[in-house]
Amino acid sequence: MGFLPGGPSTPGALFHWVTKTDEGIRFVDVWESRDAYEAFAHTCRPVFQEAGIVDAPEMQFFEVHNYFAGGLRR
């Protein structure tokens, strides 16, 4: 789906991480915009359906004021 360890990400994705929780797993993604995320999500739906994932995950969206990554400030 475009995320590779140490490699290039999907266009519009700033970063992605996953952790195991007591309830399952948690994904956190930061995107350049909500539109960039929606474009990516649209391409993922058929992949999820093919894998047998039919229920949408619980999602929350937050506006990010700024972030620090690799010495870059945005």
PDB file of N, CA and C in Angstrom:
ATOM      1  N   MET A   1       0.813  -1.196   0.000  1.00  0.00           N
ATOM      2  CA  MET A   1       0.000   0.000   0.000  1.00  0.00           C
ATOM      3  C   MET A   1       0.855   1.257   0.000  1.00  0.00           C
ATOM      4  N   GLY A   2       2.154   1.106  -0.211  1.00  0.00           N
ATOM      5  CA  GLY A   2       2.989   2.281  -0.357  1.00  0.00           C
ATOM      6  C   GLY A   2       3.879   2.605   0.821  1.00  0.00           C
ATOM      7  N   PHE A   3       3.656   1.991   1.983  1.00  0.00           N
ATOM      8  CA  PHE A   3       4.501   2.271   3.140  1.00  0.00           C
ATOM      9  C   PHE A   3       5.582   1.202   3.244  1.00  0.00           C
ATOM     10  N   LEU A   4       6.814   1.611   3.144  1.00  0.00           N
ATOM     11  CA  LEU A   4       7.938   0.686   3.243  1.00  0.00           C
ATOM     12  C   LEU A   4       8.892   1.163   4.328  1.00  0.00           C
ATOM     13  N   PRO A   5       9.355   0.261   5.219  1.00  0.00           N
ATOM     14  CA  PRO A   5      10.305   0.684   6.252  1.00  0.00           C
ATOM     15  C   PRO A   5      11.533   1.346   5.643  1.00  0.00           C
ATOM     16  N   GLY A   6      11.793   2.572   6.039  1.00  0.00           N
ATOM     17  CA  GLY A   6      12.951   3.301   5.537  1.00  0.00           C
ATOM     18  C   GLY A   6      12.849   3.742   4.092  1.00  0.00           C
ATOM     19  N   GLY A   7      11.723   3.488   3.454  1.00  0.00           N
ATOM     20  CA  GLY A   7      11.578   3.828   2.042  1.00  0.00           C
ATOM     21  C   GLY A   7      10.641   4.989   1.822  1.00  0.00           C
ATOM     22  N   PRO A   8      10.356   5.263   0.577  1.00  0.00           N
ATOM     23  CA  PRO A   8       9.438   6.365   0.276  1.00  0.00           C
ATOM     24  C   PRO A   8       8.020   6.011   0.722  1.00  0.00           C
ATOM     25  N   SER A   9       7.270   7.036   1.028  1.00  0.00           N
ATOM     26  CA  SER A   9       5.889   6.812   1.453  1.00  0.00           C
ATOM     27  C   SER A   9       4.935   7.116   0.306  1.00  0.00           C
ATOM     28  N   THR A  10       3.681   6.868   0.586  1.00  0.00           N
ATOM     29  CA  THR A  10       2.627   7.212  -0.356  1.00  0.00           C
ATOM     30  C   THR A  10       2.573   8.734  -0.495  1.00  0.00           C
ATOM     31  N   PRO A  11       2.348   9.264  -1.690  1.00  0.00           N
ATOM     32  CA  PRO A  11       2.259  10.720  -1.843  1.00  0.00           C
ATOM     33  C   PRO A  11       1.243  11.325  -0.877  1.00  0.00           C
ATOM     34  N   GLY A  12       1.669  12.359  -0.175  1.00  0.00           N
ATOM     35  CA  GLY A  12       0.806  13.042   0.779  1.00  0.00           C
ATOM     36  C   GLY A  12       0.942  12.533   2.200  1.00  0.00           C
ATOM     37  N   ALA A  13       1.566  11.363   2.385  1.00  0.00           N
ATOM     38  CA  ALA A  13       1.751  10.813   3.732  1.00  0.00           C
ATOM     39  C   ALA A  13       3.036  11.369   4.328  1.00  0.00           C
ATOM     40  N   LEU A  14       2.949  11.908   5.538  1.00  0.00           N
ATOM     41  CA  LEU A  14       4.131  12.445   6.202  1.00  0.00           C
ATOM     42  C   LEU A  14       4.791  11.407   7.086  1.00  0.00           C
ATOM     43  N   PHE A  15       4.003  10.657   7.866  1.00  0.00           N
ATOM     44  CA  PHE A  15       4.551   9.508   8.575  1.00  0.00           C
ATOM     45  C   PHE A  15       3.446   8.565   9.018  1.00  0.00           C
ATOM     46  N   HIS A  16       3.875   7.332   9.373  1.00  0.00           N
ATOM     47  CA  HIS A  16       2.961   6.244   9.707  1.00  0.00           C
ATOM     48  C   HIS A  16       3.623   5.394  10.772  1.00  0.00           C
ATOM     49  N   TRP A  17       2.886   5.023  11.825  1.00  0.00           N
ATOM     50  CA  TRP A  17       3.412   4.061  12.800  1.00  0.00           C
ATOM     51  C   TRP A  17       2.287   3.162  13.288  1.00  0.00           C
ATOM     52  N   VAL A  18       2.684   1.996  13.770  1.00  0.00           N
ATOM     53  CA  VAL A  18       1.733   0.985  14.239  1.00  0.00           C
ATOM     54  C   VAL A  18       2.242   0.434  15.566  1.00  0.00           C
ATOM     55  N   THR A  19       1.336   0.174  16.497  1.00  0.00           N
ATOM     56  CA  THR A  19       1.701  -0.453  17.761  1.00  0.00           C
ATOM     57  C   THR A  19       0.626  -1.456  18.163  1.00  0.00           C
ATOM     58  N   LYS A  20       1.027  -2.436  18.937  1.00  0.00           N
ATOM     59  CA  LYS A  20       0.093  -3.417  19.481  1.00  0.00           C
ATOM     60  C   LYS A  20      -0.501  -2.844  20.764  1.00  0.00           C
ATOM     61  N   THR A  21      -1.801  -3.025  20.947  1.00  0.00           N
ATOM     62  CA  THR A  21      -2.485  -2.599  22.165  1.00  0.00           C
ATOM     63  C   THR A  21      -3.186  -3.805  22.777  1.00  0.00           C
ATOM     64  N   ASP A  22      -3.744  -3.639  23.965  1.00  0.00           N
ATOM     65  CA  ASP A  22      -4.504  -4.718  24.593  1.00  0.00           C
ATOM     66  C   ASP A  22      -5.743  -5.086  23.775  1.00  0.00           C
ATOM     67  N   GLU A  23      -6.249  -4.123  22.997  1.00  0.00           N
ATOM     68  CA  GLU A  23      -7.449  -4.348  22.192  1.00  0.00           C
ATOM     69  C   GLU A  23      -7.143  -4.811  20.769  1.00  0.00           C
ATOM     70  N   GLY A  24      -5.898  -4.771  20.350  1.00  0.00           N
ATOM     71  CA  GLY A  24      -5.543  -5.146  18.976  1.00  0.00           C
ATOM     72  C   GLY A  24      -4.328  -4.380  18.513  1.00  0.00           C
ATOM     73  N   ILE A  25      -4.506  -3.557  17.477  1.00  0.00           N
ATOM     74  CA  ILE A  25      -3.416  -2.719  16.971  1.00  0.00           C
ATOM     75  C   ILE A  25      -3.908  -1.296  16.764  1.00  0.00           C
ATOM     76  N   ARG A  26      -2.983  -0.362  16.781  1.00  0.00           N
ATOM     77  CA  ARG A  26      -3.307   1.042  16.543  1.00  0.00           C
ATOM     78  C   ARG A  26      -2.376   1.565  15.453  1.00  0.00           C
ATOM     79  N   PHE A  27      -2.955   2.218  14.476  1.00  0.00           N
ATOM     80  CA  PHE A  27      -2.219   2.881  13.404  1.00  0.00           C
ATOM     81  C   PHE A  27      -2.338   4.373  13.625  1.00  0.00           C
ATOM     82  N   VAL A  28      -1.264   5.104  13.421  1.00  0.00           N
ATOM     83  CA  VAL A  28      -1.309   6.563  13.445  1.00  0.00           C
ATOM     84  C   VAL A  28      -0.630   7.051  12.175  1.00  0.00           C
ATOM     85  N   ASP A  29      -1.338   7.842  11.418  1.00  0.00           N
ATOM     86  CA  ASP A  29      -0.813   8.423  10.187  1.00  0.00           C
ATOM     87  C   ASP A  29      -0.934   9.932  10.260  1.00  0.00           C
ATOM     88  N   VAL A  30       0.032  10.615   9.694  1.00  0.00           N
ATOM     89  CA  VAL A  30      -0.050  12.067   9.534  1.00  0.00           C
ATOM     90  C   VAL A  30       0.052  12.345   8.042  1.00  0.00           C
ATOM     91  N   TRP A  31      -0.927  13.092   7.531  1.00  0.00           N
ATOM     92  CA  TRP A  31      -1.036  13.389   6.107  1.00  0.00           C
ATOM     93  C   TRP A  31      -0.897  14.883   5.878  1.00  0.00           C
ATOM     94  N   GLU A  32      -0.501  15.251   4.678  1.00  0.00           N
ATOM     95  CA  GLU A  32      -0.408  16.669   4.315  1.00  0.00           C
ATOM     96  C   GLU A  32      -1.765  17.343   4.403  1.00  0.00           C
ATOM     97  N   SER A  33      -2.834  16.598   4.113  1.00  0.00           N
ATOM     98  CA  SER A  33      -4.182  17.160   4.152  1.00  0.00           C
ATOM     99  C   SER A  33      -5.199  16.031   4.271  1.00  0.00           C
ATOM    100  N   ARG A  34      -6.387  16.386   4.642  1.00  0.00           N
ATOM    101  CA  ARG A  34      -7.477  15.392   4.697  1.00  0.00           C
ATOM    102  C   ARG A  34      -7.755  14.856   3.305  1.00  0.00           C
ATOM    103  N   ASP A  35      -7.663  15.717   2.285  1.00  0.00           N
ATOM    104  CA  ASP A  35      -7.879  15.279   0.908  1.00  0.00           C
ATOM    105  C   ASP A  35      -6.849  14.231   0.483  1.00  0.00           C
ATOM    106  N   ALA A  36      -5.586  14.416   0.888  1.00  0.00           N
ATOM    107  CA  ALA A  36      -4.542  13.433   0.553  1.00  0.00           C
ATOM    108  C   ALA A  36      -4.865  12.086   1.193  1.00  0.00           C
ATOM    109  N   TYR A  37      -5.320  12.118   2.450  1.00  0.00           N
ATOM    110  CA  TYR A  37      -5.706  10.872   3.110  1.00  0.00           C
ATOM    111  C   TYR A  37      -6.878  10.222   2.382  1.00  0.00           C
ATOM    112  N   GLU A  38      -7.901  10.994   2.065  1.00  0.00           N
ATOM    113  CA  GLU A  38      -9.099  10.442   1.416  1.00  0.00           C
ATOM    114  C   GLU A  38      -8.749   9.787   0.080  1.00  0.00           C
ATOM    115  N   ALA A  39      -7.847  10.395  -0.684  1.00  0.00           N
ATOM    116  CA  ALA A  39      -7.428   9.798  -1.960  1.00  0.00           C
ATOM    117  C   ALA A  39      -6.754   8.455  -1.724  1.00  0.00           C
ATOM    118  N   PHE A  40      -5.885   8.378  -0.711  1.00  0.00           N
ATOM    119  CA  PHE A  40      -5.220   7.134  -0.376  1.00  0.00           C
ATOM    120  C   PHE A  40      -6.240   6.096   0.101  1.00  0.00           C
ATOM    121  N   ALA A  41      -7.139   6.487   1.008  1.00  0.00           N
ATOM    122  CA  ALA A  41      -8.127   5.563   1.559  1.00  0.00           C
ATOM    123  C   ALA A  41      -9.006   4.977   0.463  1.00  0.00           C
ATOM    124  N   HIS A  42      -9.326   5.786  -0.513  1.00  0.00           N
ATOM    125  CA  HIS A  42     -10.160   5.312  -1.623  1.00  0.00           C
ATOM    126  C   HIS A  42      -9.480   4.155  -2.351  1.00  0.00           C
ATOM    127  N   THR A  43      -8.169   4.222  -2.510  1.00  0.00           N
ATOM    128  CA  THR A  43      -7.444   3.149  -3.213  1.00  0.00           C
ATOM    129  C   THR A  43      -7.291   1.906  -2.340  1.00  0.00           C
ATOM    130  N   CYS A  44      -7.392   2.056  -1.016  1.00  0.00           N
ATOM    131  CA  CYS A  44      -7.211   0.927  -0.088  1.00  0.00           C
ATOM    132  C   CYS A  44      -8.451   0.071   0.079  1.00  0.00           C
ATOM    133  N   ARG A  45      -9.612   0.636  -0.109  1.00  0.00           N
ATOM    134  CA  ARG A  45     -10.847  -0.108   0.171  1.00  0.00           C
ATOM    135  C   ARG A  45     -10.907  -1.448  -0.557  1.00  0.00           C
ATOM    136  N   PRO A  46     -10.599  -1.516  -1.858  1.00  0.00           N
ATOM    137  CA  PRO A  46     -10.631  -2.821  -2.527  1.00  0.00           C
ATOM    138  C   PRO A  46      -9.612  -3.811  -1.945  1.00  0.00           C
ATOM    139  N   VAL A  47      -8.459  -3.319  -1.510  1.00  0.00           N
ATOM    140  CA  VAL A  47      -7.440  -4.187  -0.908  1.00  0.00           C
ATOM    141  C   VAL A  47      -7.967  -4.777   0.393  1.00  0.00           C
ATOM    142  N   PHE A  48      -8.591  -3.945   1.218  1.00  0.00           N
ATOM    143  CA  PHE A  48      -9.147  -4.421   2.480  1.00  0.00           C
ATOM    144  C   PHE A  48     -10.268  -5.440   2.236  1.00  0.00           C
ATOM    145  N   GLN A  49     -11.138  -5.146   1.283  1.00  0.00           N
ATOM    146  CA  GLN A  49     -12.232  -6.064   0.988  1.00  0.00           C
ATOM    147  C   GLN A  49     -11.692  -7.409   0.514  1.00  0.00           C
ATOM    148  N   GLU A  50     -10.679  -7.392  -0.328  1.00  0.00           N
ATOM    149  CA  GLU A  50     -10.077  -8.625  -0.823  1.00  0.00           C
ATOM    150  C   GLU A  50      -9.457  -9.432   0.319  1.00  0.00           C
ATOM    151  N   ALA A  51      -8.935  -8.737   1.329  1.00  0.00           N
ATOM    152  CA  ALA A  51      -8.326  -9.398   2.487  1.00  0.00           C
ATOM    153  C   ALA A  51      -9.377  -9.850   3.500  1.00  0.00           C
ATOM    154  N   GLY A  52     -10.661  -9.561   3.242  1.00  0.00           N
ATOM    155  CA  GLY A  52     -11.724  -9.980   4.142  1.00  0.00           C
ATOM    156  C   GLY A  52     -12.026  -8.992   5.253  1.00  0.00           C
ATOM    157  N   ILE A  53     -11.458  -7.793   5.181  1.00  0.00           N
ATOM    158  CA  ILE A  53     -11.721  -6.758   6.181  1.00  0.00           C
ATOM    159  C   ILE A  53     -12.916  -5.947   5.692  1.00  0.00           C
ATOM    160  N   VAL A  54     -14.050  -6.135   6.358  1.00  0.00           N
ATOM    161  CA  VAL A  54     -15.276  -5.492   5.881  1.00  0.00           C
ATOM    162  C   VAL A  54     -15.719  -4.333   6.761  1.00  0.00           C
ATOM    163  N   ASP A  55     -15.343  -4.353   8.048  1.00  0.00           N
ATOM    164  CA  ASP A  55     -15.746  -3.279   8.954  1.00  0.00           C
ATOM    165  C   ASP A  55     -14.713  -2.161   8.937  1.00  0.00           C
ATOM    166  N   ALA A  56     -15.199  -0.939   8.821  1.00  0.00           N
ATOM    167  CA  ALA A  56     -14.297   0.214   8.854  1.00  0.00           C
ATOM    168  C   ALA A  56     -13.722   0.356  10.260  1.00  0.00           C
ATOM    169  N   PRO A  57     -12.456   0.711  10.375  1.00  0.00           N
ATOM    170  CA  PRO A  57     -11.873   0.902  11.705  1.00  0.00           C
ATOM    171  C   PRO A  57     -12.425   2.163  12.365  1.00  0.00           C
ATOM    172  N   GLU A  58     -12.322   2.213  13.685  1.00  0.00           N
ATOM    173  CA  GLU A  58     -12.665   3.446  14.399  1.00  0.00           C
ATOM    174  C   GLU A  58     -11.580   4.458  14.077  1.00  0.00           C
ATOM    175  N   MET A  59     -11.973   5.644  13.664  1.00  0.00           N
ATOM    176  CA  MET A  59     -10.997   6.646  13.255  1.00  0.00           C
ATOM    177  C   MET A  59     -11.261   7.955  13.967  1.00  0.00           C
ATOM    178  N   GLN A  60     -10.173   8.686  14.206  1.00  0.00           N
ATOM    179  CA  GLN A  60     -10.250  10.043  14.730  1.00  0.00           C
ATOM    180  C   GLN A  60      -9.361  10.910  13.858  1.00  0.00           C
ATOM    181  N   PHE A  61      -9.772  12.152  13.653  1.00  0.00           N
ATOM    182  CA  PHE A  61      -8.989  13.088  12.851  1.00  0.00           C
ATOM    183  C   PHE A  61      -8.669  14.308  13.708  1.00  0.00           C
ATOM    184  N   PHE A  62      -7.436  14.773  13.602  1.00  0.00           N
ATOM    185  CA  PHE A  62      -6.983  15.949  14.328  1.00  0.00           C
ATOM    186  C   PHE A  62      -6.226  16.853  13.372  1.00  0.00           C
ATOM    187  N   GLU A  63      -6.404  18.142  13.509  1.00  0.00           N
ATOM    188  CA  GLU A  63      -5.610  19.105  12.759  1.00  0.00           C
ATOM    189  C   GLU A  63      -4.278  19.270  13.489  1.00  0.00           C
ATOM    190  N   VAL A  64      -3.169  19.161  12.773  1.00  0.00           N
ATOM    191  CA  VAL A  64      -1.841  19.277  13.378  1.00  0.00           C
ATOM    192  C   VAL A  64      -1.334  20.701  13.187  1.00  0.00           C
ATOM    193  N   HIS A  65      -0.924  21.310  14.280  1.00  0.00           N
ATOM    194  CA  HIS A  65      -0.390  22.674  14.214  1.00  0.00           C
ATOM    195  C   HIS A  65       1.003  22.678  13.589  1.00  0.00           C
ATOM    196  N   ASN A  66       1.906  21.835  14.084  1.00  0.00           N
ATOM    197  CA  ASN A  66       3.223  21.660  13.480  1.00  0.00           C
ATOM    198  C   ASN A  66       3.803  20.337  13.952  1.00  0.00           C
ATOM    199  N   TYR A  67       4.906  19.925  13.362  1.00  0.00           N
ATOM    200  CA  TYR A  67       5.569  18.701  13.785  1.00  0.00           C
ATOM    201  C   TYR A  67       7.049  18.816  13.478  1.00  0.00           C
ATOM    202  N   PHE A  68       7.837  17.986  14.145  1.00  0.00           N
ATOM    203  CA  PHE A  68       9.279  17.934  13.930  1.00  0.00           C
ATOM    204  C   PHE A  68       9.628  16.542  13.423  1.00  0.00           C
ATOM    205  N   ALA A  69      10.443  16.462  12.376  1.00  0.00           N
ATOM    206  CA  ALA A  69      10.848  15.169  11.830  1.00  0.00           C
ATOM    207  C   ALA A  69      12.155  15.326  11.080  1.00  0.00           C
ATOM    208  N   GLY A  70      13.120  14.515  11.405  1.00  0.00           N
ATOM    209  CA  GLY A  70      14.383  14.516  10.670  1.00  0.00           C
ATOM    210  C   GLY A  70      15.053  15.869  10.571  1.00  0.00           C
ATOM    211  N   GLY A  71      14.918  16.698  11.607  1.00  0.00           N
ATOM    212  CA  GLY A  71      15.549  17.998  11.591  1.00  0.00           C
ATOM    213  C   GLY A  71      14.777  19.054  10.815  1.00  0.00           C
ATOM    214  N   LEU A  72      13.629  18.661  10.235  1.00  0.00           N
ATOM    215  CA  LEU A  72      12.817  19.616   9.489  1.00  0.00           C
ATOM    216  C   LEU A  72      11.690  20.131  10.374  1.00  0.00           C
ATOM    217  N   ARG A  73      11.417  21.381  10.304  1.00  0.00           N
ATOM    218  CA  ARG A  73      10.289  21.950  11.040  1.00  0.00           C
ATOM    219  C   ARG A  73       9.260  22.436  10.052  1.00  0.00           C
ATOM    220  N   ARG A  74       8.028  22.032  10.291  1.00  0.00           N
ATOM    221  CA  ARG A  74       6.941  22.452   9.379  1.00  0.00           C
ATOM    222  C   ARG A  74       5.862  23.134  10.152  1.00  0.00           C
TER     223      ARG A  74
END
